């Protein structure tokens, strides 16, 4: 049994040990602080906004879709947002594949267009910037322009593929005032936004493209080849969609035969349908794997953009 004397001795011993440790720490503190300063990582650089995806989750749906409506549309920066919202309200798409989407740009009201639409229609979204629009923001509040995907389905992951092959047309030049919207000076380059969705446990992969409008068809073909090479990582039994503004300005574009050669089916079959007010058939939806087209249409006479929206009803 422990006596009072034993307890007092142990208490005194602990007090002496603690006092010694405190004295040692006090003497060593400047050296410990200096060591911590050297060991601490340097201040991390700010992330590159042109390589950063913006995402948000506003959909509560988790079940598998057997059928769905896809809306593919170059929305002309979202400048006519009420018209775009009107079409979304009428069509009730489960998947929106949008190009020319603005972020904090003066011409579209200094708003996050993708986020606003996602919140309004309770959809998950991801936005990838292809360009910083030098005439639409300031150094303190830069503006961006890119692609967005909105969906009722859960998003497993997203990434962007910035093409190796680019046009130098948009780069700033000494003789052109970058703050003048007329010249559309930009930093960045064309991309594919790649999003993997979860449809009741089964993957659905979407490539959202905006191929280069400047340069020739060969440049666009090189950009498409980068997409096709990337998509080879997905098994044949995975549903893959390649859609967007492909800027196929001529009836003899090599892009359509190349997609078919790679095993992709156009939602329009063999039809070539005008999707732009003046230029022709620029916008397409291709797919491979189990996903099947039930119907596809181009909605002409629709306000909101110089491109017409494409709707595709699919079966999974």
Protein backbone atom coordinates (compact mmCIF):
# COMPACT_ATOMS: atom_id res chain seq x y z
CA UNK A 1 0.00 0.00 0.00
CA UNK A 2 1.26 3.46 -0.92
CA UNK A 3 1.93 5.73 2.09
CA UNK A 4 1.57 9.49 2.32
CA UNK A 5 5.38 9.78 2.32
CA UNK A 6 5.60 7.71 -0.88
CA UNK A 7 2.99 9.91 -2.57
CA UNK A 8 4.72 13.14 -1.50
CA UNK A 9 8.05 11.85 -2.82
CA UNK A 10 6.54 10.94 -6.22
CA UNK A 11 4.84 14.35 -6.47
CA UNK A 12 8.11 16.16 -5.68
CA UNK A 13 9.96 14.02 -8.27
CA UNK A 14 7.39 14.83 -10.99
CA UNK A 15 7.57 18.53 -10.16
CA UNK A 16 11.38 18.50 -10.46
CA UNK A 17 11.24 16.61 -13.80
CA UNK A 18 8.58 18.99 -15.20
CA UNK A 19 10.55 22.06 -14.11
CA UNK A 20 13.66 20.66 -15.83
CA UNK A 21 11.78 19.99 -19.05
CA UNK A 22 10.28 23.48 -19.02
CA UNK A 23 13.73 25.02 -18.54
CA UNK A 24 15.18 22.93 -21.38
CA UNK A 25 12.31 23.88 -23.73
CA UNK A 26 12.69 27.55 -22.85
CA UNK A 27 16.38 27.47 -23.73
CA UNK A 28 15.77 25.50 -26.95
CA UNK A 29 12.74 27.48 -28.14
CA UNK A 30 14.59 29.91 -30.48
CA UNK A 31 16.29 26.98 -32.18
CA UNK A 32 13.04 25.01 -32.47
CA UNK A 33 11.26 28.00 -34.00
CA UNK A 34 14.10 28.51 -36.49
CA UNK A 35 14.04 24.82 -37.40
CA UNK A 36 10.28 24.95 -37.94
CA UNK A 37 10.66 27.99 -40.17
CA UNK A 38 13.19 26.20 -42.36
CA UNK A 39 11.12 23.01 -42.37
CA UNK A 40 7.86 24.75 -43.34
CA UNK A 41 7.01 24.60 -47.04
CA UNK A 42 7.31 27.88 -48.95
CA UNK A 43 4.14 29.77 -49.73
CA UNK A 44 2.35 27.78 -52.44
CA UNK A 45 1.88 29.74 -55.68
CA UNK A 46 -1.66 30.77 -56.58
CA UNK A 47 -3.35 28.18 -58.81
CA UNK A 48 -3.41 28.91 -62.52
CA UNK A 49 -7.01 29.92 -63.22
CA UNK A 50 -6.75 28.64 -66.80
CA UNK A 51 -6.00 25.16 -65.45
CA UNK A 52 -8.63 25.19 -62.71
CA UNK A 53 -12.07 23.59 -63.01
CA UNK A 54 -15.04 25.16 -61.24
CA UNK A 55 -17.66 22.74 -59.94
CA UNK A 56 -20.88 22.71 -57.96
CA UNK A 57 -23.47 20.15 -56.87
CA UNK A 58 -27.13 21.19 -56.85
CA UNK A 59 -28.90 17.98 -57.96
CA UNK A 60 -30.35 15.53 -55.45
CA UNK A 61 -31.03 12.77 -57.97
CA UNK A 62 -29.09 9.54 -57.49
CA UNK A 63 -31.03 6.89 -59.39
CA UNK A 64 -30.21 5.44 -62.80
CA UNK A 65 -31.68 7.03 -65.91
CA UNK A 66 -33.03 4.69 -68.57
CA UNK A 67 -33.80 7.56 -70.92
CA UNK A 68 -32.66 11.17 -71.04
CA UNK A 69 -32.71 14.34 -73.11
CA UNK A 70 -29.34 15.85 -74.03
CA UNK A 71 -29.05 19.52 -74.91
CA UNK A 72 -25.92 20.50 -76.85
CA UNK A 73 -25.58 24.22 -77.51
CA UNK A 74 -23.02 26.92 -78.20
CA UNK A 75 -24.75 29.56 -76.08
CA UNK A 76 -22.80 32.59 -77.37
CA UNK A 77 -21.32 33.47 -73.95
CA UNK A 78 -24.70 33.36 -72.22
CA UNK A 79 -25.45 36.95 -73.18
CA UNK A 80 -29.14 36.12 -73.69
CA UNK A 81 -29.55 34.13 -70.51
CA UNK A 82 -33.33 34.40 -70.25
CA UNK A 83 -33.75 32.76 -73.68
CA UNK A 84 -31.40 29.93 -72.68
CA UNK A 85 -33.29 29.43 -69.43
CA UNK A 86 -36.56 29.34 -71.37
CA UNK A 87 -35.32 26.49 -73.57
CA UNK A 88 -33.99 24.54 -70.59
CA UNK A 89 -37.29 24.97 -68.80
CA UNK A 90 -39.20 23.68 -71.81
CA UNK A 91 -36.90 20.77 -72.71
CA UNK A 92 -36.01 19.60 -69.17
CA UNK A 93 -32.66 18.10 -70.20
CA UNK A 94 -30.81 15.71 -67.91
CA UNK A 95 -27.51 16.66 -69.55
CA UNK A 96 -26.44 20.02 -71.00
CA UNK A 97 -23.26 20.28 -73.07
CA UNK A 98 -22.53 24.00 -73.50
CA UNK A 99 -19.80 25.89 -75.34
CA UNK A 100 -18.89 29.61 -75.25
CA UNK A 101 -19.82 30.01 -71.58
CA UNK A 102 -18.71 33.19 -69.82
CA UNK A 103 -17.36 33.66 -66.31
CA UNK A 104 -17.26 37.20 -64.85
CA UNK A 105 -17.30 38.85 -68.29
CA UNK A 106 -18.74 42.34 -68.82
CA UNK A 107 -20.63 41.35 -71.98
CA UNK A 108 -22.71 38.77 -70.05
CA UNK A 109 -23.30 40.81 -66.91
CA UNK A 110 -20.21 39.87 -64.85
CA UNK A 111 -21.78 36.62 -63.67
CA UNK A 112 -20.82 32.96 -63.44
CA UNK A 113 -23.13 31.74 -66.22
CA UNK A 114 -22.64 28.00 -65.60
CA UNK A 115 -23.22 28.28 -61.86
CA UNK A 116 -26.29 30.46 -62.28
CA UNK A 117 -27.91 27.96 -64.65
CA UNK A 118 -26.98 25.03 -62.40
CA UNK A 119 -28.51 26.69 -59.35
CA UNK A 120 -31.63 27.68 -61.25
CA UNK A 121 -32.30 24.15 -62.57
CA UNK A 122 -30.83 22.17 -59.65
CA UNK A 123 -28.13 20.48 -61.69
CA UNK A 124 -24.52 19.58 -60.98
CA UNK A 125 -22.02 21.48 -63.08
CA UNK A 126 -18.40 21.75 -64.10
CA UNK A 127 -16.82 24.65 -65.99
CA UNK A 128 -13.44 24.59 -67.75
CA UNK A 129 -11.85 27.83 -69.02
CA UNK A 130 -10.37 27.77 -72.49
CA UNK A 131 -9.49 31.48 -72.62
CA UNK A 132 -8.99 34.49 -70.41
CA UNK A 133 -10.88 37.25 -72.20
CA UNK A 134 -8.56 40.25 -71.93
CA UNK A 135 -11.17 42.80 -73.04
CA UNK A 136 -13.88 41.58 -70.67
CA UNK A 137 -12.27 41.93 -67.24
CA UNK A 138 -9.49 43.62 -65.31
CA UNK A 139 -6.22 42.36 -63.80
CA UNK A 140 -7.94 42.36 -60.41
CA UNK A 141 -11.10 40.67 -61.72
CA UNK A 142 -10.25 38.64 -64.84
CA UNK A 143 -12.91 37.23 -67.15
CA UNK A 144 -12.97 33.76 -68.70
CA UNK A 145 -14.73 31.88 -71.46
CA UNK A 146 -15.00 28.13 -71.88
CA UNK A 147 -17.11 25.00 -71.78
CA UNK A 148 -19.63 23.84 -69.20
CA UNK A 149 -21.47 20.61 -68.48
CA UNK A 150 -24.65 20.60 -66.41
CA UNK A 151 -26.30 17.35 -65.37
CA UNK A 152 -28.84 15.74 -63.08
CA UNK A 153 -26.44 12.79 -62.67
CA UNK A 154 -23.67 12.63 -60.07
CA UNK A 155 -20.26 13.70 -61.38
CA UNK A 156 -17.55 11.13 -60.68
CA UNK A 157 -14.65 13.23 -61.98
CA UNK A 158 -13.75 15.94 -64.46
CA UNK A 159 -10.61 17.08 -66.23
CA UNK A 160 -9.62 19.20 -69.16
CA UNK A 161 -7.51 18.32 -72.16
CA UNK A 162 -5.77 21.44 -73.49
CA UNK A 163 -4.84 20.67 -77.04
CA UNK A 164 -1.22 20.55 -78.09
CA UNK A 165 -2.22 21.86 -81.51
CA UNK A 166 -3.45 25.45 -81.27
CA UNK A 167 -3.95 28.54 -83.41
CA UNK A 168 -1.93 31.65 -82.56
CA UNK A 169 -4.71 33.88 -83.87
CA UNK A 170 -6.10 34.96 -80.49
CA UNK A 171 -2.83 35.87 -78.77
CA UNK A 172 -2.18 39.48 -77.70
CA UNK A 173 -0.21 41.58 -80.18
CA UNK A 174 1.63 44.86 -79.70
CA UNK A 175 -0.24 46.58 -82.50
CA UNK A 176 -3.67 45.61 -81.14
CA UNK A 177 -5.24 47.05 -78.01
CA UNK A 178 -6.13 44.00 -75.90
CA UNK A 179 -8.75 45.97 -73.95
CA UNK A 180 -10.75 46.61 -77.13
CA UNK A 181 -13.46 43.92 -77.48
CA UNK A 182 -13.27 44.23 -81.27
CA UNK A 183 -9.95 42.36 -81.37
CA UNK A 184 -10.95 39.53 -78.99
CA UNK A 185 -7.44 39.15 -77.57
CA UNK A 186 -7.12 36.13 -75.34
CA UNK A 187 -4.74 34.04 -73.26
CA UNK A 188 -5.13 30.27 -73.25
CA UNK A 189 -6.18 27.80 -75.92
CA UNK A 190 -8.83 25.37 -77.07
CA UNK A 191 -9.76 22.46 -74.81
CA UNK A 192 -11.93 19.42 -74.38
CA UNK A 193 -13.83 19.21 -71.09
CA UNK A 194 -13.98 15.54 -70.08
CA UNK A 195 -16.54 14.51 -67.47
CA UNK A 196 -17.24 11.06 -66.07
CA UNK A 197 -20.81 10.68 -64.81
CA UNK A 198 -22.41 8.00 -62.66
CA UNK A 199 -25.64 6.62 -64.09
CA UNK A 200 -26.78 4.17 -61.44
CA UNK A 201 -23.31 2.69 -61.04
CA UNK A 202 -22.52 2.66 -64.74
CA UNK A 203 -20.10 5.23 -66.19
CA UNK A 204 -21.08 7.77 -68.83
CA UNK A 205 -18.18 9.76 -70.30
CA UNK A 206 -18.77 13.10 -72.01
CA UNK A 207 -16.25 14.98 -74.15
CA UNK A 208 -17.37 18.60 -74.54
CA UNK A 209 -15.48 20.10 -77.51
CA UNK A 210 -15.02 23.52 -79.04
CA UNK A 211 -12.58 23.01 -81.89
CA UNK A 212 -10.68 25.94 -83.37
CA UNK A 213 -12.71 28.32 -85.54
CA UNK A 214 -9.57 29.86 -87.03
CA UNK A 215 -7.13 27.97 -89.18
CA UNK A 216 -7.99 25.11 -91.52
CA UNK A 217 -9.73 21.78 -91.19
CA UNK A 218 -6.39 20.04 -90.70
CA UNK A 219 -5.87 21.86 -87.38
CA UNK A 220 -9.32 20.78 -86.18
CA UNK A 221 -8.57 17.22 -87.26
CA UNK A 222 -5.37 17.26 -85.18
CA UNK A 223 -7.36 18.46 -82.15
CA UNK A 224 -9.93 15.72 -82.72
CA UNK A 225 -7.16 13.13 -82.91
CA UNK A 226 -6.06 14.17 -79.42
CA UNK A 227 -9.61 13.53 -78.18
CA UNK A 228 -9.88 10.15 -79.88
CA UNK A 229 -6.52 9.08 -78.46
CA UNK A 230 -7.63 10.07 -74.96
CA UNK A 231 -10.97 8.24 -75.30
CA UNK A 232 -9.22 4.96 -76.08
CA UNK A 233 -8.64 4.50 -72.35
CA UNK A 234 -12.35 3.70 -71.89
CA UNK A 235 -13.53 0.14 -72.60
CA UNK A 236 -15.81 -0.57 -75.54
CA UNK A 237 -18.75 -1.27 -73.21
CA UNK A 238 -18.57 2.26 -71.72
CA UNK A 239 -20.97 4.85 -73.13
CA UNK A 240 -18.95 7.77 -74.52
CA UNK A 241 -20.34 11.01 -75.97
CA UNK A 242 -18.28 13.40 -78.11
CA UNK A 243 -20.26 16.58 -78.69
CA UNK A 244 -19.94 20.29 -79.19
CA UNK A 245 -19.03 22.97 -81.68
CA UNK A 246 -16.67 21.20 -84.08
CA UNK A 247 -16.55 24.14 -86.53
CA UNK A 248 -17.01 21.83 -89.52
CA UNK A 249 -17.47 24.64 -92.02
CA UNK A 250 -17.51 22.59 -95.21
CA UNK A 251 -19.46 19.54 -96.35
CA UNK A 252 -16.16 17.80 -97.09
CA UNK A 253 -14.70 18.09 -93.58
CA UNK A 254 -12.54 15.12 -92.65
CA UNK A 255 -13.82 15.14 -89.06
CA UNK A 256 -17.07 13.27 -89.67
CA UNK A 257 -15.47 10.32 -91.51
CA UNK A 258 -12.74 10.16 -88.86
CA UNK A 259 -15.26 9.91 -86.03
CA UNK A 260 -17.16 7.17 -87.81
CA UNK A 261 -13.91 5.34 -88.51
CA UNK A 262 -13.18 5.45 -84.76
CA UNK A 263 -16.50 3.75 -84.02
CA UNK A 264 -18.70 6.75 -83.18
CA UNK A 265 -22.26 7.23 -84.47
CA UNK A 266 -23.77 10.61 -85.26
CA UNK A 267 -27.08 11.33 -83.54
CA UNK A 268 -28.26 12.54 -86.96
CA UNK A 269 -27.21 9.39 -88.78
CA UNK A 270 -26.02 10.39 -92.25
CA UNK A 271 -27.79 13.73 -92.18
CA UNK A 272 -25.90 17.02 -92.17
CA UNK A 273 -28.09 19.70 -90.58
CA UNK A 274 -27.38 23.42 -90.37
CA UNK A 275 -26.83 24.49 -86.77
CA UNK A 276 -25.67 28.09 -87.29
CA UNK A 277 -27.52 31.15 -88.53
CA UNK A 278 -25.19 31.65 -91.48
CA UNK A 279 -22.31 29.19 -91.70
CA UNK A 280 -23.78 25.67 -91.76
CA UNK A 281 -23.48 22.42 -89.80
CA UNK A 282 -21.01 23.27 -87.03
CA UNK A 283 -22.43 21.40 -84.03
CA UNK A 284 -22.61 17.64 -83.57
CA UNK A 285 -23.34 14.85 -81.10
CA UNK A 286 -21.53 11.53 -81.60
CA UNK A 287 -21.59 8.51 -79.31
CA UNK A 288 -20.36 4.97 -78.92
CA UNK A 289 -21.04 2.07 -76.58
CA UNK A 290 -24.40 0.96 -75.16
CA UNK A 291 -26.02 4.43 -75.35
CA UNK A 292 -28.52 4.65 -78.23
CA UNK A 293 -30.15 7.58 -80.02
CA UNK A 294 -33.95 7.58 -80.04
CA UNK A 295 -34.41 10.93 -81.78
CA UNK A 296 -32.40 14.05 -82.59
CA UNK A 297 -33.40 17.51 -83.70
CA UNK A 298 -32.02 20.99 -84.37
CA UNK A 299 -34.29 23.70 -82.96
CA UNK A 300 -34.16 26.46 -85.54
CA UNK A 301 -35.66 29.87 -84.92
CA UNK A 302 -34.61 29.81 -81.27
CA UNK A 303 -33.27 33.00 -79.72
CA UNK A 304 -30.35 32.97 -77.33
CA UNK A 305 -27.38 32.40 -79.65
CA UNK A 306 -26.14 32.48 -83.23
CA UNK A 307 -26.05 28.66 -82.96
CA UNK A 308 -29.19 26.55 -82.83
CA UNK A 309 -29.59 24.10 -79.94
CA UNK A 310 -29.40 20.36 -80.61
CA UNK A 311 -31.61 18.01 -78.62
CA UNK A 312 -31.00 14.26 -78.52
CA UNK A 313 -33.22 11.77 -76.74
CA UNK A 314 -31.18 8.74 -75.74
CA UNK A 315 -31.69 5.33 -74.17
CA UNK A 316 -29.10 3.82 -71.85
